[in-house]
């Protein structure tokens, strides 16, 4: 099951800037459009915990 498009419209980065997130269905991730943090989607549930997010340099 994929993430609901309405859910994707309201999700935002949990950091103080609350920027929108982009969804990569193939990688099962959400990426912040401002800070670049990468959040995993596990079992169709976004894990929006700053402690578990990867930074862009971690992903490289």
PDB file of N, CA and C in Angstrom:
ATOM      1  N   UNK A   1       0.840  -1.183   0.000  1.00  0.00           N
ATOM      2  CA  UNK A   1       0.000   0.000   0.000  1.00  0.00           C
ATOM      3  C   UNK A   1       0.885   1.246   0.000  1.00  0.00           C
ATOM      4  N   UNK A   2       0.529   2.218  -0.796  1.00  0.00           N
ATOM      5  CA  UNK A   2       1.316   3.446  -0.903  1.00  0.00           C
ATOM      6  C   UNK A   2       0.787   4.499   0.067  1.00  0.00           C
ATOM      7  N   UNK A   3       1.599   5.522   0.275  1.00  0.00           N
ATOM      8  CA  UNK A   3       1.167   6.623   1.133  1.00  0.00           C
ATOM      9  C   UNK A   3       0.027   7.379   0.465  1.00  0.00           C
ATOM     10  N   UNK A   4      -0.936   7.756   1.251  1.00  0.00           N
ATOM     11  CA  UNK A   4      -2.089   8.501   0.770  1.00  0.00           C
ATOM     12  C   UNK A   4      -1.638   9.890   0.291  1.00  0.00           C
ATOM     13  N   UNK A   5      -2.019  10.305  -0.909  1.00  0.00           N
ATOM     14  CA  UNK A   5      -1.625  11.628  -1.411  1.00  0.00           C
ATOM     15  C   UNK A   5      -2.072  12.777  -0.501  1.00  0.00           C
ATOM     16  N   UNK A   6      -3.216  12.640   0.158  1.00  0.00           N
ATOM     17  CA  UNK A   6      -3.664  13.684   1.087  1.00  0.00           C
ATOM     18  C   UNK A   6      -2.734  13.772   2.294  1.00  0.00           C
ATOM     19  N   UNK A   7      -2.216  12.644   2.736  1.00  0.00           N
ATOM     20  CA  UNK A   7      -1.262  12.636   3.838  1.00  0.00           C
ATOM     21  C   UNK A   7       0.026  13.329   3.404  1.00  0.00           C
ATOM     22  N   UNK A   8       0.486  13.042   2.207  1.00  0.00           N
ATOM     23  CA  UNK A   8       1.711  13.665   1.706  1.00  0.00           C
ATOM     24  C   UNK A   8       1.573  15.180   1.621  1.00  0.00           C
ATOM     25  N   UNK A   9       0.367  15.673   1.340  1.00  0.00           N
ATOM     26  CA  UNK A   9       0.135  17.116   1.250  1.00  0.00           C
ATOM     27  C   UNK A   9       0.296  17.819   2.585  1.00  0.00           C
ATOM     28  N   UNK A  10       0.032  17.127   3.687  1.00  0.00           N
ATOM     29  CA  UNK A  10       0.091  17.791   4.994  1.00  0.00           C
ATOM     30  C   UNK A  10       1.356  17.475   5.790  1.00  0.00           C
ATOM     31  N   UNK A  11       2.125  16.472   5.360  1.00  0.00           N
ATOM     32  CA  UNK A  11       3.350  16.143   6.086  1.00  0.00           C
ATOM     33  C   UNK A  11       4.382  17.258   5.936  1.00  0.00           C
ATOM     34  N   UNK A  12       5.128  17.501   6.999  1.00  0.00           N
ATOM     35  CA  UNK A  12       6.184  18.509   6.989  1.00  0.00           C
ATOM     36  C   UNK A  12       7.340  18.025   7.845  1.00  0.00           C
ATOM     37  N   UNK A  13       8.492  18.605   7.606  1.00  0.00           N
ATOM     38  CA  UNK A  13       9.679  18.272   8.388  1.00  0.00           C
ATOM     39  C   UNK A  13       9.404  18.599   9.856  1.00  0.00           C
ATOM     40  N   UNK A  14       9.781  17.721  10.783  1.00  0.00           N
ATOM     41  CA  UNK A  14       9.535  17.982  12.200  1.00  0.00           C
ATOM     42  C   UNK A  14      10.476  19.020  12.810  1.00  0.00           C
ATOM     43  N   UNK A  15      11.478  19.489  12.058  1.00  0.00           N
ATOM     44  CA  UNK A  15      12.367  20.526  12.571  1.00  0.00           C
ATOM     45  C   UNK A  15      11.605  21.857  12.626  1.00  0.00           C
ATOM     46  N   UNK A  16      12.201  22.873  13.177  1.00  0.00           N
ATOM     47  CA  UNK A  16      11.511  24.138  13.416  1.00  0.00           C
ATOM     48  C   UNK A  16      11.039  24.849  12.153  1.00  0.00           C
ATOM     49  N   UNK A  17      11.632  24.573  10.997  1.00  0.00           N
ATOM     50  CA  UNK A  17      11.232  25.255   9.758  1.00  0.00           C
ATOM     51  C   UNK A  17       9.974  24.642   9.130  1.00  0.00           C
ATOM     52  N   UNK A  18       9.631  23.414   9.480  1.00  0.00           N
ATOM     53  CA  UNK A  18       8.413  22.728   9.014  1.00  0.00           C
ATOM     54  C   UNK A  18       8.239  22.794   7.498  1.00  0.00           C
ATOM     55  N   UNK A  19       9.315  22.570   6.775  1.00  0.00           N
ATOM     56  CA  UNK A  19       9.284  22.616   5.310  1.00  0.00           C
ATOM     57  C   UNK A  19       8.558  21.389   4.751  1.00  0.00           C
ATOM     58  N   UNK A  20       8.026  21.502   3.540  1.00  0.00           N
ATOM     59  CA  UNK A  20       7.372  20.351   2.903  1.00  0.00           C
ATOM     60  C   UNK A  20       8.364  19.227   2.637  1.00  0.00           C
ATOM     61  N   UNK A  21       7.825  18.029   2.444  1.00  0.00           N
ATOM     62  CA  UNK A  21       8.636  16.847   2.170  1.00  0.00           C
ATOM     63  C   UNK A  21       8.330  16.334   0.766  1.00  0.00           C
ATOM     64  N   UNK A  22       9.358  15.792   0.108  1.00  0.00           N
ATOM     65  CA  UNK A  22       9.143  15.131  -1.173  1.00  0.00           C
ATOM     66  C   UNK A  22       9.213  13.633  -0.939  1.00  0.00           C
ATOM     67  N   UNK A  23       8.417  12.893  -1.678  1.00  0.00           N
ATOM     68  CA  UNK A  23       8.307  11.447  -1.495  1.00  0.00           C
ATOM     69  C   UNK A  23       9.016  10.720  -2.621  1.00  0.00           C
ATOM     70  N   UNK A  24       9.853   9.753  -2.262  1.00  0.00           N
ATOM     71  CA  UNK A  24      10.486   8.857  -3.231  1.00  0.00           C
ATOM     72  C   UNK A  24       9.911   7.470  -2.968  1.00  0.00           C
ATOM     73  N   UNK A  25       8.948   7.074  -3.789  1.00  0.00           N
ATOM     74  CA  UNK A  25       8.250   5.797  -3.578  1.00  0.00           C
ATOM     75  C   UNK A  25       9.183   4.611  -3.737  1.00  0.00           C
ATOM     76  N   UNK A  26      10.125   4.688  -4.676  1.00  0.00           N
ATOM     77  CA  UNK A  26      11.045   3.564  -4.897  1.00  0.00           C
ATOM     78  C   UNK A  26      11.972   3.346  -3.707  1.00  0.00           C
ATOM     79  N   UNK A  27      12.485   4.433  -3.142  1.00  0.00           N
ATOM     80  CA  UNK A  27      13.407   4.334  -2.003  1.00  0.00           C
ATOM     81  C   UNK A  27      12.674   4.266  -0.670  1.00  0.00           C
ATOM     82  N   UNK A  28      11.345   4.493  -0.690  1.00  0.00           N
ATOM     83  CA  UNK A  28      10.543   4.523   0.531  1.00  0.00           C
ATOM     84  C   UNK A  28      11.096   5.538   1.529  1.00  0.00           C
ATOM     85  N   UNK A  29      11.274   6.780   1.030  1.00  0.00           N
ATOM     86  CA  UNK A  29      11.780   7.858   1.867  1.00  0.00           C
ATOM     87  C   UNK A  29      11.009   9.139   1.620  1.00  0.00           C
ATOM     88  N   UNK A  30      11.111  10.044   2.590  1.00  0.00           N
ATOM     89  CA  UNK A  30      10.618  11.409   2.474  1.00  0.00           C
ATOM     90  C   UNK A  30      11.812  12.319   2.719  1.00  0.00           C
ATOM     91  N   UNK A  31      11.986  13.337   1.886  1.00  0.00           N
ATOM     92  CA  UNK A  31      13.130  14.232   1.997  1.00  0.00           C
ATOM     93  C   UNK A  31      12.653  15.652   2.219  1.00  0.00           C
ATOM     94  N   UNK A  32      13.248  16.323   3.185  1.00  0.00           N
ATOM     95  CA  UNK A  32      12.905  17.703   3.484  1.00  0.00           C
ATOM     96  C   UNK A  32      13.423  18.606   2.372  1.00  0.00           C
ATOM     97  N   UNK A  33      12.574  19.516   1.912  1.00  0.00           N
ATOM     98  CA  UNK A  33      12.963  20.418   0.830  1.00  0.00           C
ATOM     99  C   UNK A  33      13.878  21.542   1.309  1.00  0.00           C
ATOM    100  N   UNK A  34      13.997  21.737   2.617  1.00  0.00           N
ATOM    101  CA  UNK A  34      14.860  22.801   3.126  1.00  0.00           C
ATOM    102  C   UNK A  34      16.183  22.274   3.679  1.00  0.00           C
ATOM    103  N   UNK A  35      16.134  21.356   4.633  1.00  0.00           N
ATOM    104  CA  UNK A  35      17.372  20.892   5.282  1.00  0.00           C
ATOM    105  C   UNK A  35      17.949  19.642   4.622  1.00  0.00           C
ATOM    106  N   UNK A  36      17.148  18.945   3.818  1.00  0.00           N
ATOM    107  CA  UNK A  36      17.640  17.768   3.115  1.00  0.00           C
ATOM    108  C   UNK A  36      17.623  16.486   3.925  1.00  0.00           C
ATOM    109  N   UNK A  37      17.129  16.534   5.156  1.00  0.00           N
ATOM    110  CA  UNK A  37      17.052  15.302   5.949  1.00  0.00           C
ATOM    111  C   UNK A  37      16.179  14.279   5.226  1.00  0.00           C
ATOM    112  N   UNK A  38      16.566  13.020   5.373  1.00  0.00           N
ATOM    113  CA  UNK A  38      15.864  11.925   4.719  1.00  0.00           C
ATOM    114  C   UNK A  38      15.219  11.067   5.795  1.00  0.00           C
ATOM    115  N   UNK A  39      13.894  10.923   5.694  1.00  0.00           N
ATOM    116  CA  UNK A  39      13.117  10.144   6.652  1.00  0.00           C
ATOM    117  C   UNK A  39      12.629   8.873   5.968  1.00  0.00           C
ATOM    118  N   UNK A  40      12.754   7.751   6.645  1.00  0.00           N
ATOM    119  CA  UNK A  40      12.308   6.475   6.082  1.00  0.00           C
ATOM    120  C   UNK A  40      10.803   6.320   6.224  1.00  0.00           C
ATOM    121  N   UNK A  41      10.247   5.516   5.321  1.00  0.00           N
ATOM    122  CA  UNK A  41       8.848   5.101   5.401  1.00  0.00           C
ATOM    123  C   UNK A  41       8.893   3.597   5.632  1.00  0.00           C
ATOM    124  N   UNK A  42       8.436   3.168   6.793  1.00  0.00           N
ATOM    125  CA  UNK A  42       8.463   1.742   7.151  1.00  0.00           C
ATOM    126  C   UNK A  42       7.041   1.209   7.224  1.00  0.00           C
ATOM    127  N   UNK A  43       6.770   0.172   6.479  1.00  0.00           N
ATOM    128  CA  UNK A  43       5.431  -0.426   6.454  1.00  0.00           C
ATOM    129  C   UNK A  43       4.362   0.633   6.184  1.00  0.00           C
ATOM    130  N   UNK A  44       4.658   1.532   5.238  1.00  0.00           N
ATOM    131  CA  UNK A  44       3.761   2.617   4.823  1.00  0.00           C
ATOM    132  C   UNK A  44       3.496   3.638   5.922  1.00  0.00           C
ATOM    133  N   UNK A  45       4.391   3.710   6.913  1.00  0.00           N
ATOM    134  CA  UNK A  45       4.263   4.690   7.989  1.00  0.00           C
ATOM    135  C   UNK A  45       5.515   5.575   7.985  1.00  0.00           C
ATOM    136  N   UNK A  46       5.342   6.888   7.776  1.00  0.00           N
ATOM    137  CA  UNK A  46       6.498   7.792   7.803  1.00  0.00           C
ATOM    138  C   UNK A  46       7.087   7.875   9.215  1.00  0.00           C
ATOM    139  N   UNK A  47       8.391   7.727   9.303  1.00  0.00           N
ATOM    140  CA  UNK A  47       9.089   7.830  10.592  1.00  0.00           C
ATOM    141  C   UNK A  47       9.721   9.223  10.635  1.00  0.00           C
ATOM    142  N   UNK A  48       8.996  10.177  11.197  1.00  0.00           N
ATOM    143  CA  UNK A  48       9.431  11.568  11.204  1.00  0.00           C
ATOM    144  C   UNK A  48      10.093  11.941  12.523  1.00  0.00           C
ATOM    145  N   UNK A  49      11.109  11.181  12.879  1.00  0.00           N
ATOM    146  CA  UNK A  49      11.882  11.423  14.097  1.00  0.00           C
ATOM    147  C   UNK A  49      13.237  11.997  13.700  1.00  0.00           C
ATOM    148  N   UNK A  50      13.576  13.157  14.230  1.00  0.00           N
ATOM    149  CA  UNK A  50      14.845  13.796  13.874  1.00  0.00           C
ATOM    150  C   UNK A  50      16.035  12.904  14.216  1.00  0.00           C
ATOM    151  N   UNK A  51      15.934  12.146  15.318  1.00  0.00           N
ATOM    152  CA  UNK A  51      17.037  11.268  15.728  1.00  0.00           C
ATOM    153  C   UNK A  51      17.277  10.130  14.743  1.00  0.00           C
ATOM    154  N   UNK A  52      16.261   9.743  14.005  1.00  0.00           N
ATOM    155  CA  UNK A  52      16.393   8.630  13.067  1.00  0.00           C
ATOM    156  C   UNK A  52      16.580   9.085  11.617  1.00  0.00           C
ATOM    157  N   UNK A  53      16.487  10.373  11.373  1.00  0.00           N
ATOM    158  CA  UNK A  53      16.660  10.885  10.003  1.00  0.00           C
ATOM    159  C   UNK A  53      18.115  10.813   9.599  1.00  0.00           C
ATOM    160  N   UNK A  54      18.303  10.627   8.288  1.00  0.00           N
ATOM    161  CA  UNK A  54      19.664  10.670   7.728  1.00  0.00           C
ATOM    162  C   UNK A  54      19.881  12.046   7.129  1.00  0.00           C
ATOM    163  N   UNK A  55      21.115  12.499   7.190  1.00  0.00           N
ATOM    164  CA  UNK A  55      21.463  13.766   6.541  1.00  0.00           C
ATOM    165  C   UNK A  55      21.923  13.438   5.122  1.00  0.00           C
ATOM    166  N   UNK A  56      21.916  14.421   4.221  1.00  0.00           N
ATOM    167  CA  UNK A  56      22.345  14.146   2.839  1.00  0.00           C
ATOM    168  C   UNK A  56      23.752  13.543   2.754  1.00  0.00           C
ATOM    169  N   UNK A  57      24.661  13.959   3.629  1.00  0.00           N
ATOM    170  CA  UNK A  57      26.017  13.402   3.573  1.00  0.00           C
ATOM    171  C   UNK A  57      26.049  11.957   4.073  1.00  0.00           C
ATOM    172  N   UNK A  58      25.095  11.550   4.931  1.00  0.00           N
ATOM    173  CA  UNK A  58      24.981  10.153   5.368  1.00  0.00           C
ATOM    174  C   UNK A  58      24.530   9.263   4.229  1.00  0.00           C
ATOM    175  N   UNK A  59      23.670   9.795   3.364  1.00  0.00           N
ATOM    176  CA  UNK A  59      23.106   9.028   2.254  1.00  0.00           C
ATOM    177  C   UNK A  59      24.135   8.803   1.145  1.00  0.00           C
ATOM    178  N   UNK A  60      25.124   9.661   1.055  1.00  0.00           N
ATOM    179  CA  UNK A  60      26.120   9.534  -0.018  1.00  0.00           C
ATOM    180  C   UNK A  60      27.085   8.398   0.204  1.00  0.00           C
TER     181      UNK A  60
END
